[in-house]
Amino acid sequence: MTKPKMGLRIAWIIPNVLMYILFLGLTVFVFANTKGLIDMNRPGIWLIMLILLLMIALFSSYRIWKQKVVVQTRNKFTKVEGKYTEAINGSTTS
């Protein structure tokens, strides 16, 4: 079994948390200044930016979660003669 690289994982988690904080702060800013943005005719650009930032943060979270699942799957199964054998009870899958 290989030990997952926690340093690399933390390098992905920290910017992801900062993106969620940025999203929340930007959301508060947009809703606090809605009247001014409507007067300048610019709420659409800010809403598009908020949606894109949320999508990037969610994709990054999915990527981190997917790495965790892959590591768990690799630890649970071992490859023997071209087939994956479950390490606990010995059942095989192709």
PDB file of N, CA and C in Angstrom:
ATOM      1  N   MET A   1       0.830  -1.182   0.000  1.00  0.00           N
ATOM      2  CA  MET A   1       0.000   0.000   0.000  1.00  0.00           C
ATOM      3  C   MET A   1       0.877   1.249   0.000  1.00  0.00           C
ATOM      4  N   THR A   2       0.427   2.247  -0.730  1.00  0.00           N
ATOM      5  CA  THR A   2       1.164   3.497  -0.760  1.00  0.00           C
ATOM      6  C   THR A   2       0.482   4.508   0.144  1.00  0.00           C
ATOM      7  N   LYS A   3       1.274   5.280   0.827  1.00  0.00           N
ATOM      8  CA  LYS A   3       0.753   6.316   1.707  1.00  0.00           C
ATOM      9  C   LYS A   3       0.430   7.552   0.868  1.00  0.00           C
ATOM     10  N   PRO A   4      -0.798   8.095   1.003  1.00  0.00           N
ATOM     11  CA  PRO A   4      -1.143   9.275   0.211  1.00  0.00           C
ATOM     12  C   PRO A   4      -0.273  10.460   0.611  1.00  0.00           C
ATOM     13  N   LYS A   5       0.021  11.305  -0.353  1.00  0.00           N
ATOM     14  CA  LYS A   5       0.853  12.485  -0.112  1.00  0.00           C
ATOM     15  C   LYS A   5      -0.008  13.581   0.507  1.00  0.00           C
ATOM     16  N   MET A   6       0.102  13.721   1.823  1.00  0.00           N
ATOM     17  CA  MET A   6      -0.728  14.692   2.535  1.00  0.00           C
ATOM     18  C   MET A   6      -0.330  16.132   2.206  1.00  0.00           C
ATOM     19  N   GLY A   7       0.955  16.382   1.947  1.00  0.00           N
ATOM     20  CA  GLY A   7       1.378  17.732   1.608  1.00  0.00           C
ATOM     21  C   GLY A   7       0.728  18.225   0.331  1.00  0.00           C
ATOM     22  N   LEU A   8       0.668  17.350  -0.658  1.00  0.00           N
ATOM     23  CA  LEU A   8       0.031  17.707  -1.928  1.00  0.00           C
ATOM     24  C   LEU A   8      -1.469  17.918  -1.732  1.00  0.00           C
ATOM     25  N   ARG A   9      -2.053  17.099  -0.883  1.00  0.00           N
ATOM     26  CA  ARG A   9      -3.484  17.211  -0.631  1.00  0.00           C
ATOM     27  C   ARG A   9      -3.814  18.523   0.065  1.00  0.00           C
ATOM     28  N   ILE A  10      -2.996  18.900   1.042  1.00  0.00           N
ATOM     29  CA  ILE A  10      -3.213  20.162   1.751  1.00  0.00           C
ATOM     30  C   ILE A  10      -3.012  21.340   0.805  1.00  0.00           C
ATOM     31  N   ALA A  11      -2.102  21.184  -0.152  1.00  0.00           N
ATOM     32  CA  ALA A  11      -1.882  22.236  -1.147  1.00  0.00           C
ATOM     33  C   ALA A  11      -3.127  22.458  -2.001  1.00  0.00           C
ATOM     34  N   TRP A  12      -4.002  21.473  -2.127  1.00  0.00           N
ATOM     35  CA  TRP A  12      -5.263  21.638  -2.853  1.00  0.00           C
ATOM     36  C   TRP A  12      -6.372  22.137  -1.934  1.00  0.00           C
ATOM     37  N   ILE A  13      -6.350  21.730  -0.661  1.00  0.00           N
ATOM     38  CA  ILE A  13      -7.437  22.072   0.253  1.00  0.00           C
ATOM     39  C   ILE A  13      -7.396  23.551   0.649  1.00  0.00           C
ATOM     40  N   ILE A  14      -6.214  24.082   0.924  1.00  0.00           N
ATOM     41  CA  ILE A  14      -6.109  25.475   1.386  1.00  0.00           C
ATOM     42  C   ILE A  14      -6.657  26.468   0.350  1.00  0.00           C
ATOM     43  N   PRO A  15      -6.265  26.404  -0.926  1.00  0.00           N
ATOM     44  CA  PRO A  15      -6.866  27.339  -1.898  1.00  0.00           C
ATOM     45  C   PRO A  15      -8.370  27.124  -2.074  1.00  0.00           C
ATOM     46  N   ASN A  16      -8.822  25.887  -1.911  1.00  0.00           N
ATOM     47  CA  ASN A  16     -10.250  25.614  -2.035  1.00  0.00           C
ATOM     48  C   ASN A  16     -11.028  26.304  -0.918  1.00  0.00           C
ATOM     49  N   VAL A  17     -10.526  26.227   0.309  1.00  0.00           N
ATOM     50  CA  VAL A  17     -11.179  26.909   1.422  1.00  0.00           C
ATOM     51  C   VAL A  17     -11.157  28.418   1.189  1.00  0.00           C
ATOM     52  N   LEU A  18     -10.040  28.944   0.701  1.00  0.00           N
ATOM     53  CA  LEU A  18      -9.958  30.378   0.418  1.00  0.00           C
ATOM     54  C   LEU A  18     -10.945  30.795  -0.672  1.00  0.00           C
ATOM     55  N   MET A  19     -11.194  29.917  -1.633  1.00  0.00           N
ATOM     56  CA  MET A  19     -12.179  30.237  -2.681  1.00  0.00           C
ATOM     57  C   MET A  19     -13.588  30.319  -2.116  1.00  0.00           C
ATOM     58  N   TYR A  20     -13.926  29.410  -1.185  1.00  0.00           N
ATOM     59  CA  TYR A  20     -15.239  29.493  -0.550  1.00  0.00           C
ATOM     60  C   TYR A  20     -15.369  30.771   0.273  1.00  0.00           C
ATOM     61  N   ILE A  21     -14.297  31.167   0.967  1.00  0.00           N
ATOM     62  CA  ILE A  21     -14.326  32.421   1.734  1.00  0.00           C
ATOM     63  C   ILE A  21     -14.490  33.613   0.785  1.00  0.00           C
ATOM     64  N   LEU A  22     -13.765  33.601  -0.340  1.00  0.00           N
ATOM     65  CA  LEU A  22     -13.902  34.659  -1.345  1.00  0.00           C
ATOM     66  C   LEU A  22     -15.323  34.695  -1.897  1.00  0.00           C
ATOM     67  N   PHE A  23     -15.903  33.535  -2.152  1.00  0.00           N
ATOM     68  CA  PHE A  23     -17.275  33.470  -2.660  1.00  0.00           C
ATOM     69  C   PHE A  23     -18.252  34.087  -1.668  1.00  0.00           C
ATOM     70  N   LEU A  24     -18.107  33.733  -0.389  1.00  0.00           N
ATOM     71  CA  LEU A  24     -19.014  34.290   0.620  1.00  0.00           C
ATOM     72  C   LEU A  24     -18.836  35.806   0.747  1.00  0.00           C
ATOM     73  N   GLY A  25     -17.600  36.263   0.758  1.00  0.00           N
ATOM     74  CA  GLY A  25     -17.347  37.701   0.853  1.00  0.00           C
ATOM     75  C   GLY A  25     -17.883  38.462  -0.349  1.00  0.00           C
ATOM     76  N   LEU A  26     -17.676  37.915  -1.529  1.00  0.00           N
ATOM     77  CA  LEU A  26     -18.169  38.555  -2.745  1.00  0.00           C
ATOM     78  C   LEU A  26     -19.699  38.558  -2.790  1.00  0.00           C
ATOM     79  N   THR A  27     -20.302  37.504  -2.286  1.00  0.00           N
ATOM     80  CA  THR A  27     -21.769  37.444  -2.227  1.00  0.00           C
ATOM     81  C   THR A  27     -22.311  38.534  -1.307  1.00  0.00           C
ATOM     82  N   VAL A  28     -21.687  38.701  -0.155  1.00  0.00           N
ATOM     83  CA  VAL A  28     -22.111  39.759   0.773  1.00  0.00           C
ATOM     84  C   VAL A  28     -21.932  41.128   0.111  1.00  0.00           C
ATOM     85  N   PHE A  29     -20.816  41.325  -0.573  1.00  0.00           N
ATOM     86  CA  PHE A  29     -20.563  42.589  -1.252  1.00  0.00           C
ATOM     87  C   PHE A  29     -21.625  42.871  -2.316  1.00  0.00           C
ATOM     88  N   VAL A  30     -21.942  41.874  -3.122  1.00  0.00           N
ATOM     89  CA  VAL A  30     -22.916  42.074  -4.206  1.00  0.00           C
ATOM     90  C   VAL A  30     -24.293  42.393  -3.641  1.00  0.00           C
ATOM     91  N   PHE A  31     -24.716  41.632  -2.611  1.00  0.00           N
ATOM     92  CA  PHE A  31     -26.047  41.897  -2.067  1.00  0.00           C
ATOM     93  C   PHE A  31     -26.102  43.199  -1.263  1.00  0.00           C
ATOM     94  N   ALA A  32     -24.987  43.612  -0.680  1.00  0.00           N
ATOM     95  CA  ALA A  32     -24.968  44.889   0.044  1.00  0.00           C
ATOM     96  C   ALA A  32     -24.998  46.075  -0.923  1.00  0.00           C
ATOM     97  N   ASN A  33     -24.482  45.897  -2.109  1.00  0.00           N
ATOM     98  CA  ASN A  33     -24.414  46.984  -3.094  1.00  0.00           C
ATOM     99  C   ASN A  33     -25.329  46.759  -4.291  1.00  0.00           C
ATOM    100  N   THR A  34     -26.390  46.032  -4.101  1.00  0.00           N
ATOM    101  CA  THR A  34     -27.298  45.713  -5.208  1.00  0.00           C
ATOM    102  C   THR A  34     -27.874  46.976  -5.843  1.00  0.00           C
ATOM    103  N   LYS A  35     -28.303  47.930  -5.029  1.00  0.00           N
ATOM    104  CA  LYS A  35     -28.909  49.151  -5.576  1.00  0.00           C
ATOM    105  C   LYS A  35     -27.907  49.918  -6.443  1.00  0.00           C
ATOM    106  N   GLY A  36     -26.686  50.049  -5.983  1.00  0.00           N
ATOM    107  CA  GLY A  36     -25.671  50.741  -6.772  1.00  0.00           C
ATOM    108  C   GLY A  36     -25.324  50.002  -8.053  1.00  0.00           C
ATOM    109  N   LEU A  37     -25.284  48.677  -7.984  1.00  0.00           N
ATOM    110  CA  LEU A  37     -24.988  47.894  -9.188  1.00  0.00           C
ATOM    111  C   LEU A  37     -26.110  48.006 -10.214  1.00  0.00           C
ATOM    112  N   ILE A  38     -27.338  48.061  -9.726  1.00  0.00           N
ATOM    113  CA  ILE A  38     -28.473  48.223 -10.650  1.00  0.00           C
ATOM    114  C   ILE A  38     -28.431  49.619 -11.288  1.00  0.00           C
ATOM    115  N   ASP A  39     -28.071  50.625 -10.488  1.00  0.00           N
ATOM    116  CA  ASP A  39     -27.964  51.989 -11.035  1.00  0.00           C
ATOM    117  C   ASP A  39     -26.896  52.065 -12.125  1.00  0.00           C
ATOM    118  N   MET A  40     -25.800  51.331 -11.959  1.00  0.00           N
ATOM    119  CA  MET A  40     -24.724  51.327 -12.964  1.00  0.00           C
ATOM    120  C   MET A  40     -24.987  50.294 -14.065  1.00  0.00           C
ATOM    121  N   ASN A  41     -26.072  49.557 -13.939  1.00  0.00           N
ATOM    122  CA  ASN A  41     -26.453  48.556 -14.925  1.00  0.00           C
ATOM    123  C   ASN A  41     -25.414  47.426 -15.018  1.00  0.00           C
ATOM    124  N   ARG A  42     -24.884  46.966 -13.878  1.00  0.00           N
ATOM    125  CA  ARG A  42     -23.840  45.949 -13.852  1.00  0.00           C
ATOM    126  C   ARG A  42     -24.112  44.740 -12.949  1.00  0.00           C
ATOM    127  N   PRO A  43     -25.329  44.445 -12.528  1.00  0.00           N
ATOM    128  CA  PRO A  43     -25.489  43.280 -11.645  1.00  0.00           C
ATOM    129  C   PRO A  43     -25.255  41.954 -12.366  1.00  0.00           C
ATOM    130  N   GLY A  44     -25.492  41.923 -13.666  1.00  0.00           N
ATOM    131  CA  GLY A  44     -25.311  40.688 -14.433  1.00  0.00           C
ATOM    132  C   GLY A  44     -23.876  40.195 -14.427  1.00  0.00           C
ATOM    133  N   ILE A  45     -22.936  41.116 -14.605  1.00  0.00           N
ATOM    134  CA  ILE A  45     -21.514  40.743 -14.623  1.00  0.00           C
ATOM    135  C   ILE A  45     -21.103  40.180 -13.270  1.00  0.00           C
ATOM    136  N   TRP A  46     -21.567  40.814 -12.172  1.00  0.00           N
ATOM    137  CA  TRP A  46     -21.206  40.345 -10.833  1.00  0.00           C
ATOM    138  C   TRP A  46     -21.843  38.992 -10.539  1.00  0.00           C
ATOM    139  N   LEU A  47     -23.073  38.788 -10.992  1.00  0.00           N
ATOM    140  CA  LEU A  47     -23.719  37.485 -10.763  1.00  0.00           C
ATOM    141  C   LEU A  47     -23.034  36.373 -11.561  1.00  0.00           C
ATOM    142  N   ILE A  48     -22.629  36.674 -12.778  1.00  0.00           N
ATOM    143  CA  ILE A  48     -21.899  35.685 -13.579  1.00  0.00           C
ATOM    144  C   ILE A  48     -20.578  35.339 -12.901  1.00  0.00           C
ATOM    145  N   MET A  49     -19.894  36.354 -12.370  1.00  0.00           N
ATOM    146  CA  MET A  49     -18.636  36.115 -11.676  1.00  0.00           C
ATOM    147  C   MET A  49     -18.856  35.263 -10.421  1.00  0.00           C
ATOM    148  N   LEU A  50     -19.937  35.517  -9.692  1.00  0.00           N
ATOM    149  CA  LEU A  50     -20.254  34.710  -8.513  1.00  0.00           C
ATOM    150  C   LEU A  50     -20.520  33.255  -8.894  1.00  0.00           C
ATOM    151  N   ILE A  51     -21.287  33.041  -9.943  1.00  0.00           N
ATOM    152  CA  ILE A  51     -21.608  31.675 -10.384  1.00  0.00           C
ATOM    153  C   ILE A  51     -20.343  30.950 -10.829  1.00  0.00           C
ATOM    154  N   LEU A  52     -19.486  31.631 -11.596  1.00  0.00           N
ATOM    155  CA  LEU A  52     -18.235  30.999 -12.035  1.00  0.00           C
ATOM    156  C   LEU A  52     -17.328  30.650 -10.853  1.00  0.00           C
ATOM    157  N   LEU A  53     -17.239  31.546  -9.878  1.00  0.00           N
ATOM    158  CA  LEU A  53     -16.417  31.283  -8.704  1.00  0.00           C
ATOM    159  C   LEU A  53     -16.957  30.086  -7.918  1.00  0.00           C
ATOM    160  N   LEU A  54     -18.269  29.996  -7.786  1.00  0.00           N
ATOM    161  CA  LEU A  54     -18.872  28.849  -7.100  1.00  0.00           C
ATOM    162  C   LEU A  54     -18.606  27.555  -7.861  1.00  0.00           C
ATOM    163  N   MET A  55     -18.728  27.589  -9.185  1.00  0.00           N
ATOM    164  CA  MET A  55     -18.478  26.381  -9.981  1.00  0.00           C
ATOM    165  C   MET A  55     -17.024  25.929  -9.852  1.00  0.00           C
ATOM    166  N   ILE A  56     -16.086  26.863  -9.844  1.00  0.00           N
ATOM    167  CA  ILE A  56     -14.669  26.519  -9.691  1.00  0.00           C
ATOM    168  C   ILE A  56     -14.424  25.903  -8.317  1.00  0.00           C
ATOM    169  N   ALA A  57     -15.006  26.476  -7.274  1.00  0.00           N
ATOM    170  CA  ALA A  57     -14.829  25.944  -5.923  1.00  0.00           C
ATOM    171  C   ALA A  57     -15.435  24.545  -5.803  1.00  0.00           C
ATOM    172  N   LEU A  58     -16.608  24.344  -6.377  1.00  0.00           N
ATOM    173  CA  LEU A  58     -17.246  23.027  -6.317  1.00  0.00           C
ATOM    174  C   LEU A  58     -16.444  21.986  -7.104  1.00  0.00           C
ATOM    175  N   PHE A  59     -15.929  22.369  -8.262  1.00  0.00           N
ATOM    176  CA  PHE A  59     -15.115  21.440  -9.043  1.00  0.00           C
ATOM    177  C   PHE A  59     -13.843  21.060  -8.289  1.00  0.00           C
ATOM    178  N   SER A  60     -13.257  22.035  -7.630  1.00  0.00           N
ATOM    179  CA  SER A  60     -12.053  21.763  -6.847  1.00  0.00           C
ATOM    180  C   SER A  60     -12.370  20.823  -5.682  1.00  0.00           C
ATOM    181  N   SER A  61     -13.515  21.020  -5.035  1.00  0.00           N
ATOM    182  CA  SER A  61     -13.927  20.119  -3.952  1.00  0.00           C
ATOM    183  C   SER A  61     -14.151  18.706  -4.483  1.00  0.00           C
ATOM    184  N   TYR A  62     -14.782  18.601  -5.646  1.00  0.00           N
ATOM    185  CA  TYR A  62     -15.010  17.289  -6.249  1.00  0.00           C
ATOM    186  C   TYR A  62     -13.683  16.608  -6.563  1.00  0.00           C
ATOM    187  N   ARG A  63     -12.735  17.364  -7.048  1.00  0.00           N
ATOM    188  CA  ARG A  63     -11.433  16.801  -7.390  1.00  0.00           C
ATOM    189  C   ARG A  63     -10.702  16.268  -6.150  1.00  0.00           C
ATOM    190  N   ILE A  64     -10.787  17.025  -5.052  1.00  0.00           N
ATOM    191  CA  ILE A  64     -10.175  16.572  -3.801  1.00  0.00           C
ATOM    192  C   ILE A  64     -10.882  15.314  -3.307  1.00  0.00           C
ATOM    193  N   TRP A  65     -12.204  15.294  -3.370  1.00  0.00           N
ATOM    194  CA  TRP A  65     -12.980  14.128  -2.927  1.00  0.00           C
ATOM    195  C   TRP A  65     -12.662  12.915  -3.795  1.00  0.00           C
ATOM    196  N   LYS A  66     -12.534  13.138  -5.096  1.00  0.00           N
ATOM    197  CA  LYS A  66     -12.232  12.047  -6.022  1.00  0.00           C
ATOM    198  C   LYS A  66     -10.855  11.453  -5.726  1.00  0.00           C
ATOM    199  N   GLN A  67      -9.882  12.281  -5.394  1.00  0.00           N
ATOM    200  CA  GLN A  67      -8.556  11.779  -5.038  1.00  0.00           C
ATOM    201  C   GLN A  67      -8.633  10.905  -3.795  1.00  0.00           C
ATOM    202  N   LYS A  68      -9.456  11.282  -2.834  1.00  0.00           N
ATOM    203  CA  LYS A  68      -9.607  10.498  -1.613  1.00  0.00           C
ATOM    204  C   LYS A  68     -10.227   9.146  -1.926  1.00  0.00           C
ATOM    205  N   VAL A  69     -11.245   9.107  -2.778  1.00  0.00           N
ATOM    206  CA  VAL A  69     -11.899   7.858  -3.144  1.00  0.00           C
ATOM    207  C   VAL A  69     -10.934   6.952  -3.899  1.00  0.00           C
ATOM    208  N   VAL A  70     -10.135   7.509  -4.806  1.00  0.00           N
ATOM    209  CA  VAL A  70      -9.172   6.712  -5.569  1.00  0.00           C
ATOM    210  C   VAL A  70      -8.132   6.110  -4.635  1.00  0.00           C
ATOM    211  N   VAL A  71      -7.654   6.879  -3.670  1.00  0.00           N
ATOM    212  CA  VAL A  71      -6.667   6.357  -2.721  1.00  0.00           C
ATOM    213  C   VAL A  71      -7.280   5.245  -1.888  1.00  0.00           C
ATOM    214  N   GLN A  72      -8.520   5.421  -1.425  1.00  0.00           N
ATOM    215  CA  GLN A  72      -9.176   4.379  -0.645  1.00  0.00           C
ATOM    216  C   GLN A  72      -9.389   3.132  -1.486  1.00  0.00           C
ATOM    217  N   THR A  73      -9.770   3.295  -2.751  1.00  0.00           N
ATOM    218  CA  THR A  73      -9.994   2.150  -3.626  1.00  0.00           C
ATOM    219  C   THR A  73      -8.690   1.415  -3.887  1.00  0.00           C
ATOM    220  N   ARG A  74      -7.619   2.146  -4.107  1.00  0.00           N
ATOM    221  CA  ARG A  74      -6.325   1.505  -4.343  1.00  0.00           C
ATOM    222  C   ARG A  74      -5.855   0.744  -3.115  1.00  0.00           C
ATOM    223  N   ASN A  75      -6.158   1.265  -1.924  1.00  0.00           N
ATOM    224  CA  ASN A  75      -5.753   0.581  -0.705  1.00  0.00           C
ATOM    225  C   ASN A  75      -6.600  -0.663  -0.457  1.00  0.00           C
ATOM    226  N   LYS A  76      -7.852  -0.668  -0.908  1.00  0.00           N
ATOM    227  CA  LYS A  76      -8.750  -1.783  -0.655  1.00  0.00           C
ATOM    228  C   LYS A  76      -8.498  -2.935  -1.611  1.00  0.00           C
ATOM    229  N   PHE A  77      -8.134  -2.647  -2.850  1.00  0.00           N
ATOM    230  CA  PHE A  77      -7.946  -3.680  -3.858  1.00  0.00           C
ATOM    231  C   PHE A  77      -6.462  -3.832  -4.196  1.00  0.00           C
ATOM    232  N   THR A  78      -6.057  -5.032  -4.485  1.00  0.00           N
ATOM    233  CA  THR A  78      -4.695  -5.294  -4.959  1.00  0.00           C
ATOM    234  C   THR A  78      -4.785  -5.997  -6.306  1.00  0.00           C
ATOM    235  N   LYS A  79      -3.859  -5.702  -7.205  1.00  0.00           N
ATOM    236  CA  LYS A  79      -3.902  -6.269  -8.545  1.00  0.00           C
ATOM    237  C   LYS A  79      -3.100  -7.572  -8.556  1.00  0.00           C
ATOM    238  N   VAL A  80      -3.764  -8.670  -8.938  1.00  0.00           N
ATOM    239  CA  VAL A  80      -3.114  -9.974  -9.010  1.00  0.00           C
ATOM    240  C   VAL A  80      -3.475 -10.591 -10.361  1.00  0.00           C
ATOM    241  N   GLU A  81      -2.470 -10.867 -11.181  1.00  0.00           N
ATOM    242  CA  GLU A  81      -2.645 -11.514 -12.490  1.00  0.00           C
ATOM    243  C   GLU A  81      -3.689 -10.810 -13.358  1.00  0.00           C
ATOM    244  N   GLY A  82      -3.626  -9.493 -13.434  1.00  0.00           N
ATOM    245  CA  GLY A  82      -4.511  -8.743 -14.311  1.00  0.00           C
ATOM    246  C   GLY A  82      -5.899  -8.518 -13.742  1.00  0.00           C
ATOM    247  N   LYS A  83      -6.221  -9.042 -12.575  1.00  0.00           N
ATOM    248  CA  LYS A  83      -7.525  -8.842 -11.953  1.00  0.00           C
ATOM    249  C   LYS A  83      -7.321  -8.176 -10.599  1.00  0.00           C
ATOM    250  N   TYR A  84      -8.322  -7.408 -10.205  1.00  0.00           N
ATOM    251  CA  TYR A  84      -8.260  -6.767  -8.902  1.00  0.00           C
ATOM    252  C   TYR A  84      -8.900  -7.688  -7.882  1.00  0.00           C
ATOM    253  N   THR A  85      -8.165  -7.989  -6.846  1.00  0.00           N
ATOM    254  CA  THR A  85      -8.647  -8.870  -5.797  1.00  0.00           C
ATOM    255  C   THR A  85      -8.859  -8.039  -4.544  1.00  0.00           C
ATOM    256  N   GLU A  86     -10.030  -8.174  -3.943  1.00  0.00           N
ATOM    257  CA  GLU A  86     -10.296  -7.440  -2.721  1.00  0.00           C
ATOM    258  C   GLU A  86      -9.452  -8.033  -1.608  1.00  0.00           C
ATOM    259  N   ALA A  87      -8.764  -7.169  -0.890  1.00  0.00           N
ATOM    260  CA  ALA A  87      -7.805  -7.615   0.106  1.00  0.00           C
ATOM    261  C   ALA A  87      -8.460  -8.270   1.317  1.00  0.00           C
ATOM    262  N   ILE A  88      -9.723  -7.990   1.577  1.00  0.00           N
ATOM    263  CA  ILE A  88     -10.349  -8.495   2.801  1.00  0.00           C
ATOM    264  C   ILE A  88     -10.885  -9.914   2.630  1.00  0.00           C
ATOM    265  N   ASN A  89     -11.775 -10.130   1.648  1.00  0.00           N
ATOM    266  CA  ASN A  89     -12.379 -11.448   1.552  1.00  0.00           C
ATOM    267  C   ASN A  89     -11.979 -12.243   0.310  1.00  0.00           C
ATOM    268  N   GLY A  90     -11.146 -11.700  -0.541  1.00  0.00           N
ATOM    269  CA  GLY A  90     -10.615 -12.471  -1.655  1.00  0.00           C
ATOM    270  C   GLY A  90     -11.488 -12.551  -2.885  1.00  0.00           C
ATOM    271  N   SER A  91     -12.582 -11.803  -2.986  1.00  0.00           N
ATOM    272  CA  SER A  91     -13.395 -11.840  -4.195  1.00  0.00           C
ATOM    273  C   SER A  91     -12.663 -11.109  -5.315  1.00  0.00           C
ATOM    274  N   THR A  92     -12.891 -11.506  -6.554  1.00  0.00           N
ATOM    275  CA  THR A  92     -12.200 -10.905  -7.690  1.00  0.00           C
ATOM    276  C   THR A  92     -13.156 -10.163  -8.583  1.00  0.00           C
ATOM    277  N   THR A  93     -12.631  -9.104  -9.217  1.00  0.00           N
ATOM    278  CA  THR A  93     -13.349  -8.366 -10.239  1.00  0.00           C
ATOM    279  C   THR A  93     -12.396  -8.114 -11.389  1.00  0.00           C
ATOM    280  N   SER A  94     -12.958  -7.972 -12.591  1.00  0.00           N
ATOM    281  CA  SER A  94     -12.067  -7.737 -13.737  1.00  0.00           C
ATOM    282  C   SER A  94     -11.993  -6.285 -14.067  1.00  0.00           C
TER     283      SER A  94
END
